[in-house]
N, C-alpha and C. Protein backbone atom coordinates (compact mmCIF):
# COMPACT_ATOMS: atom_id res chain seq x y z
N MET A 1 49.85 -13.25 2.71
CA MET A 1 49.35 -11.98 1.80
C MET A 1 48.19 -11.89 1.72
N PHE A 2 47.56 -10.61 1.70
CA PHE A 2 46.01 -10.58 1.47
C PHE A 2 45.45 -11.22 0.66
N PRO A 3 44.64 -11.68 0.38
CA PRO A 3 43.76 -12.33 -0.72
C PRO A 3 43.41 -11.87 -2.01
N VAL A 4 43.42 -10.49 -1.73
CA VAL A 4 42.72 -9.56 -2.77
C VAL A 4 44.03 -8.25 -3.00
N ASP A 5 43.78 -8.26 -4.27
CA ASP A 5 45.29 -7.04 -4.49
C ASP A 5 44.47 -5.72 -4.14
N PRO A 6 45.30 -5.08 -3.32
CA PRO A 6 45.04 -3.85 -2.32
C PRO A 6 43.95 -3.03 -3.50
N GLU A 7 44.51 -2.71 -4.74
CA GLU A 7 44.00 -1.59 -5.63
C GLU A 7 42.63 -2.01 -6.40
N ARG A 8 42.53 -3.22 -6.41
CA ARG A 8 41.13 -4.40 -6.73
C ARG A 8 40.15 -3.69 -5.76
N TYR A 9 40.71 -4.05 -4.45
CA TYR A 9 39.69 -3.97 -3.21
C TYR A 9 39.12 -2.67 -3.02
N ALA A 10 40.23 -1.58 -2.99
CA ALA A 10 39.83 -0.39 -2.75
C ALA A 10 38.73 0.29 -4.02
N LEU A 11 38.90 -0.20 -4.94
CA LEU A 11 37.91 -0.10 -6.01
C LEU A 11 36.55 -0.81 -6.06
N TYR A 12 37.17 -1.91 -5.30
CA TYR A 12 35.46 -2.53 -5.43
C TYR A 12 34.44 -1.90 -3.96
N LEU A 13 35.52 -1.52 -2.93
CA LEU A 13 34.94 -0.88 -1.96
C LEU A 13 34.06 0.16 -2.18
N GLY A 14 34.74 0.94 -3.26
CA GLY A 14 33.93 1.96 -3.74
C GLY A 14 32.49 2.07 -4.49
N VAL A 15 32.67 0.85 -5.40
CA VAL A 15 31.56 0.59 -6.26
C VAL A 15 30.65 0.05 -5.35
N MET A 16 31.08 -0.61 -4.44
CA MET A 16 29.77 -1.47 -3.49
C MET A 16 29.12 -0.36 -2.68
N ALA A 17 30.06 0.27 -2.31
CA ALA A 17 29.65 1.46 -0.81
C ALA A 17 28.25 2.37 -1.84
N ALA A 18 28.61 2.42 -3.14
CA ALA A 18 27.54 3.15 -4.14
C ALA A 18 26.37 2.27 -4.37
N MET A 19 26.60 1.13 -4.29
CA MET A 19 25.55 0.07 -4.68
C MET A 19 24.53 -0.05 -3.86
N ALA A 20 25.19 0.28 -2.44
CA ALA A 20 24.72 -0.45 -1.08
C ALA A 20 23.74 0.89 -0.77
N ALA A 21 24.09 2.11 -0.80
CA ALA A 21 23.50 2.95 -0.58
C ALA A 21 22.17 3.73 -1.53
N THR A 22 22.53 2.87 -2.88
CA THR A 22 21.15 3.11 -3.94
C THR A 22 19.76 2.44 -3.20
N PRO A 23 18.85 3.02 -3.19
CA PRO A 23 17.44 2.46 -3.00
C PRO A 23 17.10 1.39 -3.90
N GLY A 24 16.45 0.39 -3.40
CA GLY A 24 16.44 -0.72 -4.01
C GLY A 24 15.40 -1.70 -3.18
N PRO A 25 15.41 -2.90 -3.50
CA PRO A 25 14.32 -3.57 -2.80
C PRO A 25 14.24 -3.51 -1.56
N ALA A 26 16.01 -4.20 -1.35
CA ALA A 26 16.05 -4.68 -0.03
C ALA A 26 16.53 -3.09 0.96
N ASN A 27 16.70 -1.85 0.59
CA ASN A 27 16.46 -0.95 1.51
C ASN A 27 15.06 -0.32 1.47
N LEU A 28 14.33 -0.59 0.68
CA LEU A 28 13.15 -0.48 0.75
C LEU A 28 12.07 -1.09 2.02
N PHE A 29 12.63 -2.36 1.86
CA PHE A 29 12.04 -3.49 2.53
C PHE A 29 12.57 -2.94 4.06
N ALA A 30 13.57 -2.30 4.13
CA ALA A 30 14.11 -2.03 5.58
C ALA A 30 13.15 -0.95 5.90
N ILE A 31 13.22 -0.08 4.96
CA ILE A 31 12.30 1.34 5.68
C ILE A 31 11.12 0.86 6.04
N ALA A 32 10.04 -0.07 5.10
CA ALA A 32 8.60 -0.65 5.59
C ALA A 32 8.83 -1.62 6.94
N THR A 33 10.14 -2.21 6.86
CA THR A 33 9.87 -2.93 8.53
C THR A 33 10.08 -2.05 9.80
N GLY A 34 11.09 -1.00 9.53
CA GLY A 34 11.24 -0.02 10.41
C GLY A 34 9.77 0.76 10.75
N LEU A 35 9.09 1.14 9.87
CA LEU A 35 8.03 1.81 10.03
C LEU A 35 6.77 0.53 10.30
N ALA A 36 6.92 -0.30 10.13
CA ALA A 36 5.90 -1.29 10.46
C ALA A 36 5.81 -2.25 11.77
N ARG A 37 7.21 -2.22 12.12
CA ARG A 37 7.61 -3.04 13.36
C ARG A 37 8.15 -2.44 14.36
N GLY A 38 9.34 -1.12 14.19
CA GLY A 38 10.03 -0.65 14.94
C GLY A 38 11.29 -0.90 14.62
N PRO A 39 12.37 -0.20 15.24
CA PRO A 39 13.85 -0.37 14.93
C PRO A 39 14.57 -1.65 15.44
N ARG A 40 14.17 -2.28 16.10
CA ARG A 40 15.00 -3.95 16.39
C ARG A 40 14.06 -4.72 15.50
N ALA A 41 12.85 -5.04 14.73
CA ALA A 41 12.70 -5.76 14.09
C ALA A 41 13.53 -5.14 12.46
N ALA A 42 13.59 -4.03 12.46
CA ALA A 42 14.42 -3.55 10.96
C ALA A 42 15.59 -4.22 11.37
N LEU A 43 16.57 -4.38 12.42
CA LEU A 43 17.55 -4.91 12.30
C LEU A 43 17.45 -6.28 12.29
N ILE A 44 16.82 -7.00 12.86
CA ILE A 44 16.31 -8.18 12.71
C ILE A 44 16.50 -8.78 11.36
N GLY A 45 15.45 -7.91 10.38
CA GLY A 45 14.95 -7.83 9.15
C GLY A 45 16.35 -7.89 8.37
N VAL A 46 17.56 -7.07 8.65
CA VAL A 46 18.69 -6.58 7.98
C VAL A 46 19.61 -7.78 8.10
N ALA A 47 19.33 -8.56 9.37
CA ALA A 47 20.35 -9.86 9.77
C ALA A 47 19.58 -11.02 8.66
N GLY A 48 18.29 -10.79 8.27
CA GLY A 48 17.94 -11.79 7.71
C GLY A 48 18.28 -11.66 6.17
N MET A 49 18.25 -10.45 5.79
CA MET A 49 18.89 -10.39 4.41
C MET A 49 20.52 -10.37 3.91
N ASN A 50 21.37 -10.07 5.05
CA ASN A 50 22.58 -10.32 5.11
C ASN A 50 22.91 -11.78 4.90
N THR A 51 21.71 -12.45 5.92
CA THR A 51 22.01 -13.99 5.80
C THR A 51 21.67 -14.47 4.10
N ALA A 52 20.84 -14.21 3.61
CA ALA A 52 20.40 -14.44 2.28
C ALA A 52 21.62 -14.16 1.50
N MET A 53 22.11 -13.06 1.58
CA MET A 53 23.43 -12.55 1.12
C MET A 53 24.98 -13.47 0.98
N LEU A 54 24.63 -14.06 2.32
CA LEU A 54 25.65 -14.95 2.40
C LEU A 54 25.42 -16.16 1.54
N VAL A 55 24.11 -16.53 1.46
CA VAL A 55 23.70 -18.16 1.07
C VAL A 55 24.60 -17.61 -0.63
N TRP A 56 23.96 -16.38 -1.14
CA TRP A 56 24.83 -16.17 -2.54
C TRP A 56 26.02 -15.96 -2.60
N TYR A 57 26.30 -15.64 -1.96
CA TYR A 57 28.46 -16.02 -1.52
C TYR A 57 28.58 -17.59 -1.78
N CYS A 58 27.96 -18.46 -1.04
CA CYS A 58 28.39 -19.83 -1.16
C CYS A 58 27.93 -20.37 -2.21
N ALA A 59 26.85 -19.86 -2.75
CA ALA A 59 26.40 -20.48 -4.12
C ALA A 59 27.49 -20.19 -5.29
N ALA A 60 27.84 -18.90 -5.27
CA ALA A 60 29.00 -18.49 -6.26
C ALA A 60 30.06 -19.24 -5.99
N GLY A 61 30.35 -19.41 -4.98
CA GLY A 61 31.58 -20.42 -4.39
C GLY A 61 31.44 -21.60 -5.41
N LEU A 62 30.23 -22.25 -5.31
CA LEU A 62 30.00 -23.44 -5.73
C LEU A 62 29.58 -23.41 -7.23
N GLY A 63 29.59 -22.50 -7.64
CA GLY A 63 29.43 -22.34 -9.14
C GLY A 63 28.05 -22.12 -9.38
N LEU A 64 27.06 -21.75 -8.67
CA LEU A 64 25.70 -22.00 -8.84
C LEU A 64 25.39 -20.78 -9.92
N ALA A 65 26.15 -19.57 -9.38
CA ALA A 65 25.98 -18.54 -10.28
C ALA A 65 26.06 -18.54 -11.68
N ALA A 66 26.84 -18.96 -11.84
CA ALA A 66 27.38 -19.55 -13.23
C ALA A 66 26.09 -20.70 -14.05
N LEU A 67 25.06 -21.43 -12.90
CA LEU A 67 24.44 -22.21 -13.82
C LEU A 67 23.39 -21.36 -13.72
N ALA A 68 23.07 -20.14 -12.78
CA ALA A 68 21.63 -19.55 -13.13
C ALA A 68 22.11 -18.80 -14.10
N GLN A 69 23.15 -18.20 -14.80
CA GLN A 69 23.13 -17.21 -15.70
C GLN A 69 23.16 -18.07 -17.00
N ALA A 70 23.62 -19.44 -17.11
CA ALA A 70 23.39 -20.07 -18.04
C ALA A 70 21.66 -20.58 -18.17
N TRP A 71 20.89 -20.89 -17.22
CA TRP A 71 19.73 -21.02 -17.20
C TRP A 71 18.50 -19.81 -16.75
N PRO A 72 18.66 -18.54 -17.56
CA PRO A 72 18.15 -17.33 -16.68
C PRO A 72 16.49 -17.83 -16.05
N SER A 73 15.70 -18.88 -16.93
CA SER A 73 14.68 -19.05 -16.97
C SER A 73 14.63 -19.53 -15.25
N LEU A 74 15.35 -19.95 -14.67
CA LEU A 74 15.36 -20.81 -13.41
C LEU A 74 15.23 -19.60 -12.64
N PHE A 75 16.48 -18.29 -12.78
CA PHE A 75 16.22 -17.28 -11.86
C PHE A 75 15.14 -16.62 -12.09
N ARG A 76 14.14 -16.48 -13.07
CA ARG A 76 13.38 -15.64 -13.33
C ARG A 76 11.79 -16.29 -12.59
N ILE A 77 12.16 -17.47 -12.01
CA ILE A 77 10.82 -18.30 -11.25
C ILE A 77 11.35 -17.53 -9.67
N VAL A 78 12.35 -17.67 -9.35
CA VAL A 78 12.81 -17.37 -7.87
C VAL A 78 12.54 -15.81 -8.17
N ALA A 79 13.11 -14.88 -8.69
CA ALA A 79 12.89 -13.55 -8.86
C ALA A 79 10.98 -13.04 -9.23
N LEU A 80 10.46 -13.92 -9.61
CA LEU A 80 9.07 -13.40 -9.78
C LEU A 80 8.41 -14.19 -8.39
N GLY A 81 8.81 -15.43 -7.69
CA GLY A 81 8.35 -15.83 -6.53
C GLY A 81 8.65 -14.47 -5.14
N GLY A 82 9.94 -14.15 -5.16
CA GLY A 82 10.16 -12.95 -4.37
C GLY A 82 9.32 -11.77 -4.62
N GLY A 83 8.89 -11.78 -5.99
CA GLY A 83 8.73 -10.44 -5.91
C GLY A 83 7.27 -10.57 -5.58
N LEU A 84 6.30 -11.93 -5.55
CA LEU A 84 4.78 -11.85 -5.38
C LEU A 84 4.94 -11.88 -4.14
N TYR A 85 5.97 -12.52 -3.19
CA TYR A 85 5.85 -12.50 -1.96
C TYR A 85 6.21 -10.82 -1.10
N ILE A 86 6.99 -10.26 -1.63
CA ILE A 86 6.71 -8.89 -1.23
C ILE A 86 5.43 -8.39 -1.49
N ALA A 87 4.68 -8.48 -2.71
CA ALA A 87 3.48 -8.11 -2.73
C ALA A 87 2.27 -8.17 -1.85
N TRP A 88 2.64 -9.49 -1.45
CA TRP A 88 1.76 -10.02 -0.73
C TRP A 88 1.85 -9.36 0.89
N LEU A 89 3.21 -9.04 1.25
CA LEU A 89 3.14 -8.26 2.14
C LEU A 89 2.50 -6.86 2.20
N GLY A 90 2.86 -6.44 1.13
CA GLY A 90 2.59 -4.78 0.93
C GLY A 90 0.67 -4.67 0.91
N VAL A 91 0.35 -5.80 0.01
CA VAL A 91 -1.19 -5.97 0.08
C VAL A 91 -1.77 -6.01 1.68
N LYS A 92 -1.05 -6.98 2.32
CA LYS A 92 -1.86 -7.19 3.92
C LYS A 92 -1.62 -5.80 4.68
N ALA A 93 -0.46 -4.96 4.43
CA ALA A 93 -0.06 -4.15 4.92
C ALA A 93 -1.36 -2.85 4.58
N LEU A 94 -1.90 -2.90 3.43
CA LEU A 94 -3.08 -2.17 3.04
C LEU A 94 -4.17 -2.03 3.55
N ILE A 95 -4.38 -3.99 3.85
CA ILE A 95 -5.80 -4.52 4.35
C ILE A 95 -5.96 -4.23 5.52
N ALA A 96 -5.00 -4.21 6.37
CA ALA A 96 -4.70 -4.04 7.78
C ALA A 96 -4.94 -2.17 7.84
N ALA A 97 -4.49 -1.43 7.26
CA ALA A 97 -4.41 -0.16 7.20
C ALA A 97 -6.02 0.17 7.18
N ALA A 98 -6.60 -0.49 5.88
CA ALA A 98 -8.03 0.08 5.64
C ALA A 98 -9.15 -0.62 6.98
N ARG A 99 -8.60 -1.71 7.61
CA ARG A 99 -9.37 -1.90 8.65
C ARG A 99 -9.12 -1.08 9.99
N GLY A 100 -7.70 -0.43 10.05
CA GLY A 100 -7.39 0.25 11.32
C GLY A 100 -6.98 -0.52 12.52
N GLU A 101 -5.98 -1.74 11.82
CA GLU A 101 -5.82 -2.90 12.95
C GLU A 101 -4.48 -2.34 13.00
N ALA A 102 -3.89 -2.50 14.52
CA ALA A 102 -2.91 -2.21 15.45
C ALA A 102 -2.08 -3.43 15.00
N SER A 103 -2.15 -4.39 14.17
CA SER A 103 -1.18 -5.24 14.27
C SER A 103 -0.30 -4.68 13.55
N LEU A 104 -0.44 -3.80 11.83
CA LEU A 104 0.58 -3.15 11.25
C LEU A 104 1.95 -3.39 12.04
N GLY A 105 1.66 -2.36 13.55
CA GLY A 105 2.83 -2.14 14.29
C GLY A 105 3.04 -3.17 15.61
N ALA A 106 2.82 -2.97 16.59
CA ALA A 106 3.02 -3.57 17.70
C ALA A 106 3.04 -5.18 17.32
N ALA A 107 2.20 -6.20 17.03
CA ALA A 107 1.83 -7.24 16.69
C ALA A 107 2.77 -8.12 16.08
N ARG A 108 3.25 -7.47 14.99
CA ARG A 108 4.21 -8.23 14.25
C ARG A 108 5.95 -7.57 14.97
N ALA A 109 5.97 -6.45 15.66
CA ALA A 109 7.40 -6.44 16.11
C ALA A 109 7.57 -7.16 17.43
N ALA A 110 6.56 -7.92 17.90
CA ALA A 110 6.59 -9.03 18.86
C ALA A 110 7.30 -10.17 18.26
N ASN A 111 7.10 -10.39 17.05
CA ASN A 111 7.66 -11.48 16.45
C ASN A 111 9.17 -11.59 15.50
N PRO A 112 10.05 -11.42 16.45
CA PRO A 112 11.58 -11.24 15.54
C PRO A 112 11.53 -12.33 14.27
N ASN A 113 11.18 -13.80 14.85
CA ASN A 113 11.35 -14.58 13.71
C ASN A 113 10.77 -14.30 12.23
N ALA A 114 9.37 -13.50 12.38
CA ALA A 114 8.82 -13.18 10.91
C ALA A 114 9.83 -12.02 10.40
N ALA A 115 10.47 -11.32 11.07
CA ALA A 115 10.87 -10.05 10.21
C ALA A 115 12.37 -10.94 9.50
N PHE A 116 13.30 -11.54 10.56
CA PHE A 116 14.37 -12.28 9.66
C PHE A 116 13.71 -13.22 8.80
N ARG A 117 12.63 -14.18 8.66
CA ARG A 117 11.87 -14.60 7.71
C ARG A 117 11.75 -13.89 6.51
N ASP A 118 10.99 -12.98 6.57
CA ASP A 118 10.93 -11.87 5.74
C ASP A 118 11.96 -11.33 5.02
N GLY A 119 13.00 -10.55 5.77
CA GLY A 119 14.02 -10.07 5.27
C GLY A 119 14.95 -11.12 4.15
N PHE A 120 14.96 -12.74 4.88
CA PHE A 120 15.71 -13.66 3.78
C PHE A 120 14.86 -13.69 2.60
N ALA A 121 13.65 -13.80 2.95
CA ALA A 121 12.99 -14.00 1.42
C ALA A 121 12.84 -12.95 0.92
N VAL A 122 13.19 -11.44 0.67
CA VAL A 122 13.03 -10.45 0.04
C VAL A 122 14.25 -10.48 -0.71
N GLN A 123 15.75 -10.91 0.17
CA GLN A 123 16.74 -10.79 -0.69
C GLN A 123 17.49 -12.00 -1.10
N ILE A 124 16.88 -13.43 -1.09
CA ILE A 124 17.36 -14.24 -1.61
C ILE A 124 16.46 -14.49 -3.07
N GLY A 125 15.22 -13.76 -3.27
CA GLY A 125 15.10 -13.47 -4.60
C GLY A 125 14.79 -12.20 -5.24
N ASN A 126 16.28 -11.32 -4.75
CA ASN A 126 16.72 -10.20 -5.22
C ASN A 126 17.49 -10.25 -6.24
N PRO A 127 16.58 -9.85 -7.63
CA PRO A 127 17.53 -9.99 -8.81
C PRO A 127 18.94 -9.41 -9.26
N LYS A 128 18.91 -8.25 -7.80
CA LYS A 128 19.95 -7.44 -7.89
C LYS A 128 21.33 -8.43 -7.32
N ALA A 129 20.76 -9.34 -6.81
CA ALA A 129 22.16 -10.22 -6.24
C ALA A 129 22.78 -11.03 -7.41
N LEU A 130 22.17 -11.69 -8.20
CA LEU A 130 22.05 -12.46 -9.41
C LEU A 130 23.29 -11.30 -10.35
N LEU A 131 22.46 -10.08 -10.74
CA LEU A 131 23.24 -9.52 -11.49
C LEU A 131 24.64 -8.71 -10.83
N PHE A 132 24.56 -8.93 -9.26
CA PHE A 132 25.75 -8.99 -8.46
C PHE A 132 26.90 -9.69 -8.87
N PHE A 133 26.88 -11.00 -8.92
CA PHE A 133 27.43 -12.18 -8.78
C PHE A 133 28.07 -12.33 -10.33
N THR A 134 27.31 -11.75 -11.39
CA THR A 134 27.49 -12.48 -12.69
C THR A 134 28.05 -11.15 -13.47
N VAL A 135 27.67 -10.14 -12.99
CA VAL A 135 28.22 -8.87 -13.33
C VAL A 135 29.56 -8.04 -12.78
N VAL A 136 29.06 -7.49 -11.31
CA VAL A 136 29.83 -6.63 -10.87
C VAL A 136 30.96 -7.54 -10.30
N LEU A 137 30.87 -8.42 -9.91
CA LEU A 137 31.92 -9.32 -8.80
C LEU A 137 33.33 -9.49 -9.66
N PRO A 138 32.58 -10.42 -11.00
CA PRO A 138 33.93 -11.09 -11.95
C PRO A 138 34.71 -10.44 -12.04
N PRO A 139 35.08 -8.80 -12.63
CA PRO A 139 36.05 -8.15 -12.72
C PRO A 139 36.75 -8.17 -11.51
N PHE A 140 36.67 -8.15 -10.60
CA PHE A 140 37.25 -7.64 -9.38
C PHE A 140 38.10 -8.63 -8.57
N ILE A 141 37.75 -10.28 -9.17
CA ILE A 141 38.38 -11.95 -9.18
C ILE A 141 39.77 -11.78 -9.92
N ASP A 142 40.72 -11.95 -9.21
CA ASP A 142 41.99 -12.47 -9.99
C ASP A 142 42.03 -14.05 -9.97
N PRO A 143 42.19 -14.58 -11.34
CA PRO A 143 42.19 -15.82 -11.26
C PRO A 143 43.35 -16.49 -10.92
N ALA A 144 44.61 -15.77 -10.63
CA ALA A 144 45.86 -15.94 -10.19
C ALA A 144 45.71 -16.42 -8.77
N ARG A 145 45.02 -15.92 -7.63
CA ARG A 145 44.82 -16.09 -6.51
C ARG A 145 43.81 -16.84 -6.15
N PRO A 146 43.89 -17.68 -4.93
CA PRO A 146 42.84 -18.44 -4.29
C PRO A 146 41.57 -17.94 -4.07
N MET A 147 40.50 -18.44 -4.91
CA MET A 147 38.91 -18.24 -4.88
C MET A 147 38.45 -18.24 -3.65
N ALA A 148 38.64 -18.91 -2.80
CA ALA A 148 38.14 -19.16 -1.34
C ALA A 148 38.38 -17.86 -0.84
N GLY A 149 39.84 -17.24 -0.77
CA GLY A 149 40.08 -16.39 0.10
C GLY A 149 39.29 -14.92 -0.34
N GLN A 150 39.25 -14.89 -1.95
CA GLN A 150 38.90 -13.71 -2.65
C GLN A 150 37.69 -13.67 -2.26
N LEU A 151 36.56 -14.73 -2.39
CA LEU A 151 35.29 -14.59 -2.07
C LEU A 151 35.14 -14.12 -0.52
N ALA A 152 36.08 -14.47 0.45
CA ALA A 152 35.78 -14.07 1.90
C ALA A 152 35.73 -12.79 1.84
N ALA A 153 37.09 -12.45 1.19
CA ALA A 153 37.29 -10.90 1.36
C ALA A 153 35.98 -10.01 0.80
N PHE A 154 35.80 -10.12 -0.20
CA PHE A 154 34.44 -9.43 -1.03
C PHE A 154 33.47 -9.87 -0.22
N ALA A 155 33.15 -11.04 0.40
CA ALA A 155 31.75 -10.96 1.25
C ALA A 155 31.53 -10.26 2.50
N ALA A 156 32.95 -10.17 3.21
CA ALA A 156 33.12 -9.26 4.17
C ALA A 156 32.58 -7.80 3.94
N ALA A 157 33.40 -7.34 3.12
CA ALA A 157 32.93 -6.06 2.51
C ALA A 157 31.64 -5.58 2.12
N THR A 158 30.77 -6.60 1.48
CA THR A 158 29.75 -6.34 0.97
C THR A 158 28.60 -6.79 1.95
N LEU A 159 28.76 -7.61 3.13
CA LEU A 159 27.76 -7.71 4.27
C LEU A 159 27.99 -6.65 5.03
N ALA A 160 29.07 -6.21 5.25
CA ALA A 160 29.71 -4.78 6.35
C ALA A 160 28.75 -3.46 5.74
N LEU A 161 28.75 -3.39 4.20
CA LEU A 161 28.57 -2.06 3.91
C LEU A 161 27.10 -2.02 3.67
N ASP A 162 26.43 -3.63 3.25
CA ASP A 162 24.81 -3.62 2.90
C ASP A 162 24.45 -3.25 4.35
N GLY A 163 24.78 -4.11 5.31
CA GLY A 163 24.48 -3.99 6.69
C GLY A 163 24.10 -2.39 7.10
N ILE A 164 24.98 -1.96 6.62
CA ILE A 164 25.25 -0.50 7.18
C ILE A 164 24.35 0.24 6.65
N ALA A 165 24.04 0.29 5.29
CA ALA A 165 23.29 1.13 4.66
C ALA A 165 21.59 0.88 5.09
N MET A 166 21.28 -0.67 4.87
CA MET A 166 20.32 -1.28 5.22
C MET A 166 19.48 -0.80 6.89
N SER A 167 20.45 -0.79 7.75
CA SER A 167 20.27 -0.57 8.92
C SER A 167 20.22 1.07 9.10
N GLY A 168 20.76 1.63 8.45
CA GLY A 168 20.19 3.10 8.52
C GLY A 168 18.84 3.50 7.66
N TYR A 169 18.45 2.76 6.82
CA TYR A 169 17.65 2.68 6.08
C TYR A 169 16.44 2.61 7.20
N GLY A 170 16.63 1.18 8.01
CA GLY A 170 15.63 0.99 8.70
C GLY A 170 15.37 1.41 10.33
N LEU A 171 16.56 1.63 10.84
CA LEU A 171 16.19 2.96 11.67
C LEU A 171 15.68 4.26 11.69
N MET A 172 16.05 4.40 10.42
CA MET A 172 15.23 5.66 9.89
C MET A 172 13.56 5.79 10.27
N GLY A 173 13.42 4.42 9.66
CA GLY A 173 11.74 4.31 9.48
C GLY A 173 11.27 3.95 11.03
N GLY A 174 12.17 3.24 11.88
CA GLY A 174 11.67 2.89 13.23
C GLY A 174 11.78 4.02 14.15
N ALA A 175 12.41 4.99 13.69
CA ALA A 175 12.14 6.04 14.39
C ALA A 175 11.02 6.48 14.53
N LEU A 176 10.17 6.33 13.60
CA LEU A 176 8.51 6.85 13.41
C LEU A 176 7.82 5.80 14.05
N SER A 177 8.51 4.38 14.53
CA SER A 177 7.50 3.55 14.92
C SER A 177 6.52 4.01 16.30
N ALA A 178 7.05 4.93 17.09
CA ALA A 178 6.59 5.10 18.35
C ALA A 178 5.28 5.99 18.20
N ARG A 179 5.42 6.57 17.07
CA ARG A 179 3.58 7.52 16.45
C ARG A 179 2.81 6.56 16.17
N MET A 180 3.08 5.02 16.10
CA MET A 180 2.20 4.47 15.68
C MET A 180 0.70 3.73 16.48
N GLN A 181 1.15 4.30 17.56
CA GLN A 181 -0.06 4.61 18.92
C GLN A 181 -1.11 5.44 18.36
N SER A 182 -0.85 6.48 17.82
CA SER A 182 -2.30 7.10 17.42
C SER A 182 -2.60 6.30 16.11
N PRO A 183 -4.35 5.96 15.70
CA PRO A 183 -4.89 5.72 15.25
C PRO A 183 -4.91 5.91 13.58
N GLY A 184 -4.90 7.29 13.78
CA GLY A 184 -4.74 7.91 12.38
C GLY A 184 -3.22 7.84 11.42
N PHE A 185 -2.44 7.81 12.67
CA PHE A 185 -1.33 8.09 12.29
C PHE A 185 -0.66 6.67 11.51
N ARG A 186 -1.22 5.62 12.30
CA ARG A 186 -0.78 4.46 12.00
C ARG A 186 -1.83 3.83 10.65
N ARG A 187 -2.84 4.31 10.19
CA ARG A 187 -3.60 3.87 9.33
C ARG A 187 -3.03 4.89 8.12
N ALA A 188 -2.25 5.98 8.03
CA ALA A 188 -1.70 6.61 6.82
C ALA A 188 -0.15 6.03 6.84
N PHE A 189 0.15 5.52 8.00
CA PHE A 189 1.69 5.02 7.60
C PHE A 189 1.25 3.31 7.10
N GLY A 190 0.43 3.08 7.46
CA GLY A 190 -0.03 1.48 6.93
C GLY A 190 -0.14 1.65 5.12
N VAL A 191 -0.65 2.84 4.71
CA VAL A 191 -0.73 2.70 3.25
C VAL A 191 0.74 2.84 2.82
N ALA A 192 1.36 3.65 3.65
CA ALA A 192 2.87 3.98 2.98
C ALA A 192 3.51 2.73 3.00
N VAL A 193 3.24 1.72 4.53
CA VAL A 193 4.62 0.60 4.09
C VAL A 193 3.61 -0.22 2.93
N GLY A 194 2.26 -0.11 2.90
CA GLY A 194 1.73 -1.20 1.76
C GLY A 194 2.61 -0.73 0.43
N LEU A 195 2.39 0.65 0.07
CA LEU A 195 3.32 1.09 -1.11
C LEU A 195 4.20 0.87 -1.64
N ILE A 196 5.37 1.41 -0.09
CA ILE A 196 6.56 0.54 -0.12
C ILE A 196 6.83 -0.24 -0.81
N LEU A 197 6.14 -1.40 -0.35
CA LEU A 197 6.61 -3.06 -0.46
C LEU A 197 6.05 -3.24 -1.56
N LEU A 198 4.82 -2.53 -2.26
CA LEU A 198 4.17 -2.65 -3.42
C LEU A 198 5.41 -2.49 -4.77
N ALA A 199 6.02 -1.31 -4.10
CA ALA A 199 7.28 -0.69 -5.19
C ALA A 199 8.41 -1.58 -5.09
N ALA A 200 8.67 -2.13 -3.94
CA ALA A 200 9.89 -3.12 -4.05
C ALA A 200 9.62 -4.27 -4.49
N ALA A 201 8.25 -4.85 -4.44
CA ALA A 201 8.17 -5.74 -5.37
C ALA A 201 7.92 -5.57 -7.11
N ALA A 202 7.75 -4.15 -7.58
CA ALA A 202 8.05 -3.88 -8.79
C ALA A 202 9.26 -3.96 -9.52
N LEU A 203 10.12 -3.45 -8.55
CA LEU A 203 11.91 -3.35 -8.46
C LEU A 203 12.35 -4.81 -8.64
N VAL A 204 11.79 -5.49 -7.85
CA VAL A 204 12.34 -7.11 -7.80
C VAL A 204 12.14 -7.61 -9.28
N VAL A 205 10.95 -7.43 -9.85
CA VAL A 205 10.26 -7.82 -11.10
C VAL A 205 11.06 -7.25 -12.46
N VAL A 206 11.02 -5.89 -12.23
CA VAL A 206 11.63 -5.22 -13.21
C VAL A 206 12.91 -5.14 -13.46
N ARG A 207 13.43 -5.02 -12.55
CA ARG A 207 15.35 -4.96 -12.46
C ARG A 207 15.76 -6.31 -12.37
N GLU A 208 15.23 -7.47 -13.05
CA GLU A 208 15.86 -8.74 -13.38
C GLU A 208 16.79 -8.12 -14.26
């Protein structure tokens, strides 16, 4: 038997598709990574964000989401930490643009681990994740069915739809990375990347 009621699952897919396509910290980060580091790094960053989302699902399975809801001050620290980290990346991009440094593009693109790490940090501190597990997901859970199977089915849909949306955003930015060879173009996009990351940091803090 399918672990989730088909009607509930279809409704969940519609809601999740809309949420995945909505610009937020994760999608803004994907665009910024594509612009600054290229399409390959953007996809690696998406993998990092999806890994963080999988961690959130494991936390939900262990009841940690309920704990975070009971102690919102604990998550506020995590959210603020994530926001400060994203802001730090944005400030670094603006400084690099002001100095005309080429590291905004090619140098960071050569380090895939950095893209994965940054993507993981963005999503693990994203308050949208807590909102998702404490507000959006519960109505679709059927208490009469095994919890593990339901979480696995919902996780598969979430990771797939999030991955498609974030990859699309990231590749859109990555298509422009070849233009980064021009110093003037690189400086202009360095400013754009910095502002995008600062906007993402603001969303992480405001959308708590």
